[in-house]
């Protein structure tokens, strides 16, 4: 629904040609399972959708940051140490 609302193009299948053989390989998503299509969009648009949805669901999002190292507790990663661009001289 979110992808349709943002105007992402539905892709029902495709054709690929590669290598020395110029015979196309055709596929249809409905043949692979219960979903008859995929979505075709620019990576930046998909990233934006995922980030917006994460915020809606309560994720704490920090942008323009560089992760320096993981924070572990009992061998499990529970967070990260990071610096924010412009605040660390970087």
PDB file of N, CA and C in Angstrom:
ATOM      1  N   UNK A   1       0.812  -1.190   0.000  1.00  0.00           N
ATOM      2  CA  UNK A   1       0.000   0.000   0.000  1.00  0.00           C
ATOM      3  C   UNK A   1       0.858   1.259   0.000  1.00  0.00           C
ATOM      4  N   UNK A   2       1.909   1.267   0.830  1.00  0.00           N
ATOM      5  CA  UNK A   2       2.776   2.440   0.872  1.00  0.00           C
ATOM      6  C   UNK A   2       3.477   2.647  -0.462  1.00  0.00           C
ATOM      7  N   UNK A   3       3.885   1.560  -1.097  1.00  0.00           N
ATOM      8  CA  UNK A   3       4.581   1.670  -2.374  1.00  0.00           C
ATOM      9  C   UNK A   3       3.631   2.148  -3.468  1.00  0.00           C
ATOM     10  N   UNK A   4       2.410   1.641  -3.458  1.00  0.00           N
ATOM     11  CA  UNK A   4       1.416   2.115  -4.420  1.00  0.00           C
ATOM     12  C   UNK A   4       1.125   3.596  -4.194  1.00  0.00           C
ATOM     13  N   UNK A   5       0.999   4.003  -2.939  1.00  0.00           N
ATOM     14  CA  UNK A   5       0.692   5.395  -2.614  1.00  0.00           C
ATOM     15  C   UNK A   5       1.788   6.344  -3.089  1.00  0.00           C
ATOM     16  N   UNK A   6       3.023   5.871  -3.104  1.00  0.00           N
ATOM     17  CA  UNK A   6       4.139   6.710  -3.562  1.00  0.00           C
ATOM     18  C   UNK A   6       4.362   6.609  -5.066  1.00  0.00           C
ATOM     19  N   UNK A   7       3.535   5.827  -5.742  1.00  0.00           N
ATOM     20  CA  UNK A   7       3.629   5.744  -7.198  1.00  0.00           C
ATOM     21  C   UNK A   7       4.707   4.816  -7.714  1.00  0.00           C
ATOM     22  N   UNK A   8       5.164   3.871  -6.889  1.00  0.00           N
ATOM     23  CA  UNK A   8       6.154   2.909  -7.366  1.00  0.00           C
ATOM     24  C   UNK A   8       5.521   2.066  -8.474  1.00  0.00           C
ATOM     25  N   UNK A   9       6.279   1.793  -9.502  1.00  0.00           N
ATOM     26  CA  UNK A   9       5.786   1.038 -10.650  1.00  0.00           C
ATOM     27  C   UNK A   9       5.731  -0.456 -10.331  1.00  0.00           C
ATOM     28  N   UNK A  10       4.591  -1.060 -10.620  1.00  0.00           N
ATOM     29  CA  UNK A  10       4.476  -2.513 -10.458  1.00  0.00           C
ATOM     30  C   UNK A  10       5.148  -3.200 -11.643  1.00  0.00           C
ATOM     31  N   UNK A  11       5.900  -4.244 -11.336  1.00  0.00           N
ATOM     32  CA  UNK A  11       6.615  -5.000 -12.363  1.00  0.00           C
ATOM     33  C   UNK A  11       6.149  -6.444 -12.266  1.00  0.00           C
ATOM     34  N   UNK A  12       5.538  -6.935 -13.334  1.00  0.00           N
ATOM     35  CA  UNK A  12       4.941  -8.268 -13.328  1.00  0.00           C
ATOM     36  C   UNK A  12       5.882  -9.349 -13.846  1.00  0.00           C
ATOM     37  N   UNK A  13       6.986  -8.962 -14.421  1.00  0.00           N
ATOM     38  CA  UNK A  13       7.946  -9.919 -14.949  1.00  0.00           C
ATOM     39  C   UNK A  13       9.013  -9.166 -15.715  1.00  0.00           C
ATOM     40  N   UNK A  14       9.763  -9.891 -16.509  1.00  0.00           N
ATOM     41  CA  UNK A  14      10.809  -9.246 -17.289  1.00  0.00           C
ATOM     42  C   UNK A  14      11.487 -10.211 -18.228  1.00  0.00           C
ATOM     43  N   UNK A  15      12.447  -9.691 -18.973  1.00  0.00           N
ATOM     44  CA  UNK A  15      13.259 -10.477 -19.897  1.00  0.00           C
ATOM     45  C   UNK A  15      14.711 -10.070 -19.710  1.00  0.00           C
ATOM     46  N   UNK A  16      15.580 -11.053 -19.654  1.00  0.00           N
ATOM     47  CA  UNK A  16      17.009 -10.803 -19.495  1.00  0.00           C
ATOM     48  C   UNK A  16      17.778 -11.491 -20.610  1.00  0.00           C
ATOM     49  N   UNK A  17      18.827 -10.825 -21.091  1.00  0.00           N
ATOM     50  CA  UNK A  17      19.727 -11.402 -22.090  1.00  0.00           C
ATOM     51  C   UNK A  17      21.140 -11.135 -21.588  1.00  0.00           C
ATOM     52  N   UNK A  18      21.978 -12.170 -21.544  1.00  0.00           N
ATOM     53  CA  UNK A  18      23.348 -11.970 -21.098  1.00  0.00           C
ATOM     54  C   UNK A  18      24.262 -13.011 -21.712  1.00  0.00           C
ATOM     55  N   UNK A  19      25.557 -12.741 -21.596  1.00  0.00           N
ATOM     56  CA  UNK A  19      26.553 -13.664 -22.116  1.00  0.00           C
ATOM     57  C   UNK A  19      26.562 -13.708 -23.633  1.00  0.00           C
ATOM     58  N   UNK A  20      27.132 -14.776 -24.172  1.00  0.00           N
ATOM     59  CA  UNK A  20      27.222 -14.943 -25.620  1.00  0.00           C
ATOM     60  C   UNK A  20      25.894 -15.325 -26.240  1.00  0.00           C
ATOM     61  N   UNK A  21      25.047 -15.986 -25.492  1.00  0.00           N
ATOM     62  CA  UNK A  21      23.739 -16.399 -26.011  1.00  0.00           C
ATOM     63  C   UNK A  21      22.798 -15.197 -25.985  1.00  0.00           C
ATOM     64  N   UNK A  22      22.195 -14.912 -27.092  1.00  0.00           N
ATOM     65  CA  UNK A  22      21.275 -13.778 -27.178  1.00  0.00           C
ATOM     66  C   UNK A  22      19.825 -14.222 -27.059  1.00  0.00           C
ATOM     67  N   UNK A  23      19.621 -15.383 -26.472  1.00  0.00           N
ATOM     68  CA  UNK A  23      18.268 -15.892 -26.276  1.00  0.00           C
ATOM     69  C   UNK A  23      17.734 -15.299 -24.974  1.00  0.00           C
ATOM     70  N   UNK A  24      16.606 -14.591 -25.040  1.00  0.00           N
ATOM     71  CA  UNK A  24      16.091 -13.980 -23.811  1.00  0.00           C
ATOM     72  C   UNK A  24      15.576 -15.005 -22.809  1.00  0.00           C
ATOM     73  N   UNK A  25      15.781 -14.690 -21.547  1.00  0.00           N
ATOM     74  CA  UNK A  25      15.229 -15.485 -20.454  1.00  0.00           C
ATOM     75  C   UNK A  25      14.084 -14.670 -19.891  1.00  0.00           C
ATOM     76  N   UNK A  26      12.872 -15.157 -20.044  1.00  0.00           N
ATOM     77  CA  UNK A  26      11.672 -14.449 -19.609  1.00  0.00           C
ATOM     78  C   UNK A  26      11.187 -15.017 -18.282  1.00  0.00           C
ATOM     79  N   UNK A  27      10.665 -14.162 -17.442  1.00  0.00           N
ATOM     80  CA  UNK A  27      10.120 -14.625 -16.168  1.00  0.00           C
ATOM     81  C   UNK A  27       8.888 -13.805 -15.798  1.00  0.00           C
ATOM     82  N   UNK A  28       8.046 -14.425 -14.995  1.00  0.00           N
ATOM     83  CA  UNK A  28       6.839 -13.785 -14.489  1.00  0.00           C
ATOM     84  C   UNK A  28       6.782 -14.042 -12.992  1.00  0.00           C
ATOM     85  N   UNK A  29       6.546 -13.012 -12.209  1.00  0.00           N
ATOM     86  CA  UNK A  29       6.546 -13.172 -10.754  1.00  0.00           C
ATOM     87  C   UNK A  29       5.430 -14.081 -10.253  1.00  0.00           C
ATOM     88  N   UNK A  30       4.311 -14.126 -10.944  1.00  0.00           N
ATOM     89  CA  UNK A  30       3.198 -14.977 -10.507  1.00  0.00           C
ATOM     90  C   UNK A  30       3.599 -16.455 -10.522  1.00  0.00           C
ATOM     91  N   UNK A  31       4.544 -16.810 -11.386  1.00  0.00           N
ATOM     92  CA  UNK A  31       4.989 -18.205 -11.464  1.00  0.00           C
ATOM     93  C   UNK A  31       5.790 -18.612 -10.233  1.00  0.00           C
ATOM     94  N   UNK A  32       6.304 -17.642  -9.488  1.00  0.00           N
ATOM     95  CA  UNK A  32       7.168 -17.953  -8.359  1.00  0.00           C
ATOM     96  C   UNK A  32       6.485 -17.993  -7.012  1.00  0.00           C
ATOM     97  N   UNK A  33       5.201 -17.711  -6.963  1.00  0.00           N
ATOM     98  CA  UNK A  33       4.553 -17.718  -5.661  1.00  0.00           C
ATOM     99  C   UNK A  33       3.261 -16.940  -5.654  1.00  0.00           C
ATOM    100  N   UNK A  34       2.909 -16.467  -4.482  1.00  0.00           N
ATOM    101  CA  UNK A  34       1.603 -15.843  -4.297  1.00  0.00           C
ATOM    102  C   UNK A  34       1.567 -14.352  -4.645  1.00  0.00           C
ATOM    103  N   UNK A  35       2.706 -13.754  -4.938  1.00  0.00           N
ATOM    104  CA  UNK A  35       2.738 -12.326  -5.268  1.00  0.00           C
ATOM    105  C   UNK A  35       2.951 -12.163  -6.775  1.00  0.00           C
ATOM    106  N   UNK A  36       1.983 -11.576  -7.480  1.00  0.00           N
ATOM    107  CA  UNK A  36       2.071 -11.503  -8.937  1.00  0.00           C
ATOM    108  C   UNK A  36       2.987 -10.406  -9.468  1.00  0.00           C
ATOM    109  N   UNK A  37       3.555  -9.589  -8.590  1.00  0.00           N
ATOM    110  CA  UNK A  37       4.398  -8.500  -9.071  1.00  0.00           C
ATOM    111  C   UNK A  37       5.414  -8.097  -8.003  1.00  0.00           C
ATOM    112  N   UNK A  38       6.412  -7.357  -8.467  1.00  0.00           N
ATOM    113  CA  UNK A  38       7.388  -6.711  -7.589  1.00  0.00           C
ATOM    114  C   UNK A  38       7.237  -5.212  -7.843  1.00  0.00           C
ATOM    115  N   UNK A  39       8.038  -4.418  -7.185  1.00  0.00           N
ATOM    116  CA  UNK A  39       8.009  -2.982  -7.439  1.00  0.00           C
ATOM    117  C   UNK A  39       9.332  -2.548  -8.032  1.00  0.00           C
ATOM    118  N   UNK A  40       9.245  -1.633  -8.977  1.00  0.00           N
ATOM    119  CA  UNK A  40      10.427  -1.073  -9.614  1.00  0.00           C
ATOM    120  C   UNK A  40      10.492   0.401  -9.228  1.00  0.00           C
ATOM    121  N   UNK A  41      11.593   0.797  -8.605  1.00  0.00           N
ATOM    122  CA  UNK A  41      11.733   2.190  -8.187  1.00  0.00           C
ATOM    123  C   UNK A  41      13.207   2.531  -8.027  1.00  0.00           C
ATOM    124  N   UNK A  42      13.471   3.793  -7.878  1.00  0.00           N
ATOM    125  CA  UNK A  42      14.844   4.221  -7.610  1.00  0.00           C
ATOM    126  C   UNK A  42      15.209   3.856  -6.170  1.00  0.00           C
ATOM    127  N   UNK A  43      16.449   3.506  -5.950  1.00  0.00           N
ATOM    128  CA  UNK A  43      16.925   3.105  -4.625  1.00  0.00           C
ATOM    129  C   UNK A  43      16.663   4.199  -3.586  1.00  0.00           C
ATOM    130  N   UNK A  44      16.914   5.445  -3.938  1.00  0.00           N
ATOM    131  CA  UNK A  44      16.726   6.543  -2.985  1.00  0.00           C
ATOM    132  C   UNK A  44      15.267   6.650  -2.545  1.00  0.00           C
ATOM    133  N   UNK A  45      14.338   6.397  -3.456  1.00  0.00           N
ATOM    134  CA  UNK A  45      12.916   6.459  -3.105  1.00  0.00           C
ATOM    135  C   UNK A  45      12.536   5.336  -2.143  1.00  0.00           C
ATOM    136  N   UNK A  46      13.084   4.150  -2.365  1.00  0.00           N
ATOM    137  CA  UNK A  46      12.807   3.022  -1.472  1.00  0.00           C
ATOM    138  C   UNK A  46      13.431   3.266  -0.098  1.00  0.00           C
ATOM    139  N   UNK A  47      14.660   3.777  -0.073  1.00  0.00           N
ATOM    140  CA  UNK A  47      15.313   4.092   1.198  1.00  0.00           C
ATOM    141  C   UNK A  47      14.491   5.102   1.997  1.00  0.00           C
ATOM    142  N   UNK A  48      13.959   6.105   1.317  1.00  0.00           N
ATOM    143  CA  UNK A  48      13.135   7.117   1.973  1.00  0.00           C
ATOM    144  C   UNK A  48      11.880   6.499   2.572  1.00  0.00           C
ATOM    145  N   UNK A  49      11.241   5.617   1.836  1.00  0.00           N
ATOM    146  CA  UNK A  49      10.036   4.947   2.335  1.00  0.00           C
ATOM    147  C   UNK A  49      10.349   4.130   3.588  1.00  0.00           C
ATOM    148  N   UNK A  50      11.434   3.370   3.545  1.00  0.00           N
ATOM    149  CA  UNK A  50      11.813   2.527   4.684  1.00  0.00           C
ATOM    150  C   UNK A  50      12.140   3.390   5.908  1.00  0.00           C
ATOM    151  N   UNK A  51      12.875   4.472   5.699  1.00  0.00           N
ATOM    152  CA  UNK A  51      13.243   5.351   6.808  1.00  0.00           C
ATOM    153  C   UNK A  51      12.014   6.023   7.413  1.00  0.00           C
ATOM    154  N   UNK A  52      11.124   6.517   6.565  1.00  0.00           N
ATOM    155  CA  UNK A  52       9.891   7.144   7.063  1.00  0.00           C
ATOM    156  C   UNK A  52       9.049   6.154   7.858  1.00  0.00           C
ATOM    157  N   UNK A  53       8.946   4.937   7.365  1.00  0.00           N
ATOM    158  CA  UNK A  53       8.140   3.919   8.049  1.00  0.00           C
ATOM    159  C   UNK A  53       8.767   3.545   9.390  1.00  0.00           C
ATOM    160  N   UNK A  54      10.083   3.442   9.436  1.00  0.00           N
ATOM    161  CA  UNK A  54      10.768   3.138  10.695  1.00  0.00           C
ATOM    162  C   UNK A  54      10.474   4.217  11.735  1.00  0.00           C
ATOM    163  N   UNK A  55      10.504   5.474  11.312  1.00  0.00           N
ATOM    164  CA  UNK A  55      10.178   6.576  12.233  1.00  0.00           C
ATOM    165  C   UNK A  55       8.739   6.464  12.727  1.00  0.00           C
ATOM    166  N   UNK A  56       7.813   6.178  11.801  1.00  0.00           N
ATOM    167  CA  UNK A  56       6.400   6.028  12.174  1.00  0.00           C
ATOM    168  C   UNK A  56       6.211   4.955  13.240  1.00  0.00           C
ATOM    169  N   UNK A  57       7.032   3.911  13.172  1.00  0.00           N
ATOM    170  CA  UNK A  57       6.917   2.791  14.104  1.00  0.00           C
ATOM    171  C   UNK A  57       7.738   2.996  15.375  1.00  0.00           C
ATOM    172  N   UNK A  58       8.362   4.177  15.506  1.00  0.00           N
ATOM    173  CA  UNK A  58       9.046   4.502  16.748  1.00  0.00           C
ATOM    174  C   UNK A  58      10.551   4.359  16.757  1.00  0.00           C
ATOM    175  N   UNK A  59      11.160   4.106  15.614  1.00  0.00           N
ATOM    176  CA  UNK A  59      12.618   3.979  15.574  1.00  0.00           C
ATOM    177  C   UNK A  59      13.276   5.332  15.834  1.00  0.00           C
ATOM    178  N   UNK A  60      14.373   5.313  16.552  1.00  0.00           N
ATOM    179  CA  UNK A  60      15.182   6.506  16.778  1.00  0.00           C
ATOM    180  C   UNK A  60      16.184   6.558  15.643  1.00  0.00           C
ATOM    181  N   UNK A  61      16.045   7.527  14.762  1.00  0.00           N
ATOM    182  CA  UNK A  61      16.858   7.598  13.546  1.00  0.00           C
ATOM    183  C   UNK A  61      17.835   8.758  13.647  1.00  0.00           C
ATOM    184  N   UNK A  62      19.095   8.483  13.373  1.00  0.00           N
ATOM    185  CA  UNK A  62      20.123   9.517  13.335  1.00  0.00           C
ATOM    186  C   UNK A  62      20.708   9.512  11.930  1.00  0.00           C
ATOM    187  N   UNK A  63      20.669  10.669  11.284  1.00  0.00           N
ATOM    188  CA  UNK A  63      21.238  10.777   9.940  1.00  0.00           C
ATOM    189  C   UNK A  63      22.544  11.554   9.995  1.00  0.00           C
ATOM    190  N   UNK A  64      23.319  11.455   8.918  1.00  0.00           N
ATOM    191  CA  UNK A  64      24.609  12.149   8.823  1.00  0.00           C
ATOM    192  C   UNK A  64      25.555  11.703   9.932  1.00  0.00           C
ATOM    193  N   UNK A  65      25.550  10.407  10.242  1.00  0.00           N
ATOM    194  CA  UNK A  65      26.401   9.875  11.306  1.00  0.00           C
ATOM    195  C   UNK A  65      27.271   8.746  10.767  1.00  0.00           C
ATOM    196  N   UNK A  66      28.388   8.529  11.432  1.00  0.00           N
ATOM    197  CA  UNK A  66      29.291   7.432  11.101  1.00  0.00           C
ATOM    198  C   UNK A  66      29.383   6.508  12.300  1.00  0.00           C
ATOM    199  N   UNK A  67      29.093   5.240  12.089  1.00  0.00           N
ATOM    200  CA  UNK A  67      29.203   4.251  13.164  1.00  0.00           C
ATOM    201  C   UNK A  67      30.679   3.951  13.394  1.00  0.00           C
ATOM    202  N   UNK A  68      31.110   4.037  14.641  1.00  0.00           N
ATOM    203  CA  UNK A  68      32.507   3.793  15.004  1.00  0.00           C
ATOM    204  C   UNK A  68      32.733   2.368  15.496  1.00  0.00           C
ATOM    205  N   UNK A  69      31.794   1.849  16.280  1.00  0.00           N
ATOM    206  CA  UNK A  69      31.928   0.481  16.780  1.00  0.00           C
ATOM    207  C   UNK A  69      30.603   0.023  17.387  1.00  0.00           C
ATOM    208  N   UNK A  70      30.401  -1.288  17.431  1.00  0.00           N
ATOM    209  CA  UNK A  70      29.186  -1.806  18.069  1.00  0.00           C
ATOM    210  C   UNK A  70      29.306  -1.755  19.586  1.00  0.00           C
ATOM    211  N   UNK A  71      28.176  -1.675  20.254  1.00  0.00           N
ATOM    212  CA  UNK A  71      28.106  -1.775  21.713  1.00  0.00           C
ATOM    213  C   UNK A  71      27.517  -3.143  22.010  1.00  0.00           C
ATOM    214  N   UNK A  72      28.266  -3.949  22.772  1.00  0.00           N
ATOM    215  CA  UNK A  72      27.825  -5.315  23.051  1.00  0.00           C
ATOM    216  C   UNK A  72      27.460  -5.493  24.517  1.00  0.00           C
ATOM    217  N   UNK A  73      26.530  -6.403  24.750  1.00  0.00           N
ATOM    218  CA  UNK A  73      26.125  -6.792  26.094  1.00  0.00           C
ATOM    219  C   UNK A  73      25.922  -8.297  26.068  1.00  0.00           C
ATOM    220  N   UNK A  74      26.741  -9.023  26.824  1.00  0.00           N
ATOM    221  CA  UNK A  74      26.686 -10.490  26.847  1.00  0.00           C
ATOM    222  C   UNK A  74      26.812 -11.090  25.450  1.00  0.00           C
ATOM    223  N   UNK A  75      27.712 -10.521  24.649  1.00  0.00           N
ATOM    224  CA  UNK A  75      27.968 -11.060  23.322  1.00  0.00           C
ATOM    225  C   UNK A  75      26.934 -10.687  22.269  1.00  0.00           C
ATOM    226  N   UNK A  76      26.005  -9.821  22.629  1.00  0.00           N
ATOM    227  CA  UNK A  76      24.946  -9.415  21.691  1.00  0.00           C
ATOM    228  C   UNK A  76      25.070  -7.916  21.417  1.00  0.00           C
ATOM    229  N   UNK A  77      24.948  -7.528  20.152  1.00  0.00           N
ATOM    230  CA  UNK A  77      25.015  -6.107  19.807  1.00  0.00           C
ATOM    231  C   UNK A  77      23.710  -5.443  20.224  1.00  0.00           C
ATOM    232  N   UNK A  78      23.832  -4.408  21.074  1.00  0.00           N
ATOM    233  CA  UNK A  78      22.651  -3.708  21.590  1.00  0.00           C
ATOM    234  C   UNK A  78      22.635  -2.230  21.191  1.00  0.00           C
ATOM    235  N   UNK A  79      23.637  -1.801  20.462  1.00  0.00           N
ATOM    236  CA  UNK A  79      23.703  -0.412  20.033  1.00  0.00           C
ATOM    237  C   UNK A  79      24.991  -0.159  19.287  1.00  0.00           C
ATOM    238  N   UNK A  80      25.257   1.120  19.028  1.00  0.00           N
ATOM    239  CA  UNK A  80      26.493   1.509  18.350  1.00  0.00           C
ATOM    240  C   UNK A  80      27.013   2.808  18.933  1.00  0.00           C
ATOM    241  N   UNK A  81      28.333   2.988  18.840  1.00  0.00           N
ATOM    242  CA  UNK A  81      28.949   4.273  19.139  1.00  0.00           C
ATOM    243  C   UNK A  81      29.123   4.967  17.795  1.00  0.00           C
ATOM    244  N   UNK A  82      28.799   6.257  17.761  1.00  0.00           N
ATOM    245  CA  UNK A  82      28.813   6.960  16.485  1.00  0.00           C
ATOM    246  C   UNK A  82      29.243   8.407  16.676  1.00  0.00           C
ATOM    247  N   UNK A  83      29.579   9.039  15.576  1.00  0.00           N
ATOM    248  CA  UNK A  83      29.831  10.475  15.557  1.00  0.00           C
ATOM    249  C   UNK A  83      28.914  11.080  14.500  1.00  0.00           C
ATOM    250  N   UNK A  84      28.517  12.317  14.744  1.00  0.00           N
ATOM    251  CA  UNK A  84      27.640  13.017  13.812  1.00  0.00           C
ATOM    252  C   UNK A  84      28.468  14.003  13.003  1.00  0.00           C
ATOM    253  N   UNK A  85      28.261  14.000  11.698  1.00  0.00           N
ATOM    254  CA  UNK A  85      29.017  14.877  10.810  1.00  0.00           C
ATOM    255  C   UNK A  85      28.891  16.326  11.278  1.00  0.00           C
ATOM    256  N   UNK A  86      30.031  17.009  11.308  1.00  0.00           N
ATOM    257  CA  UNK A  86      30.045  18.407  11.719  1.00  0.00           C
ATOM    258  C   UNK A  86      30.245  18.602  13.208  1.00  0.00           C
ATOM    259  N   UNK A  87      30.061  17.542  13.988  1.00  0.00           N
ATOM    260  CA  UNK A  87      30.215  17.658  15.438  1.00  0.00           C
ATOM    261  C   UNK A  87      31.489  16.982  15.919  1.00  0.00           C
ATOM    262  N   UNK A  88      32.182  16.304  15.006  1.00  0.00           N
ATOM    263  CA  UNK A  88      33.398  15.593  15.383  1.00  0.00           C
ATOM    264  C   UNK A  88      34.594  16.067  14.570  1.00  0.00           C
ATOM    265  N   UNK A  89      34.406  17.141  13.835  1.00  0.00           N
ATOM    266  CA  UNK A  89      35.481  17.648  12.997  1.00  0.00           C
ATOM    267  C   UNK A  89      35.601  16.900  11.687  1.00  0.00           C
ATOM    268  N   UNK A  90      34.709  15.934  11.429  1.00  0.00           N
ATOM    269  CA  UNK A  90      34.796  15.135  10.209  1.00  0.00           C
ATOM    270  C   UNK A  90      33.867  15.559   9.131  1.00  0.00           C
TER     271      UNK A  90
END
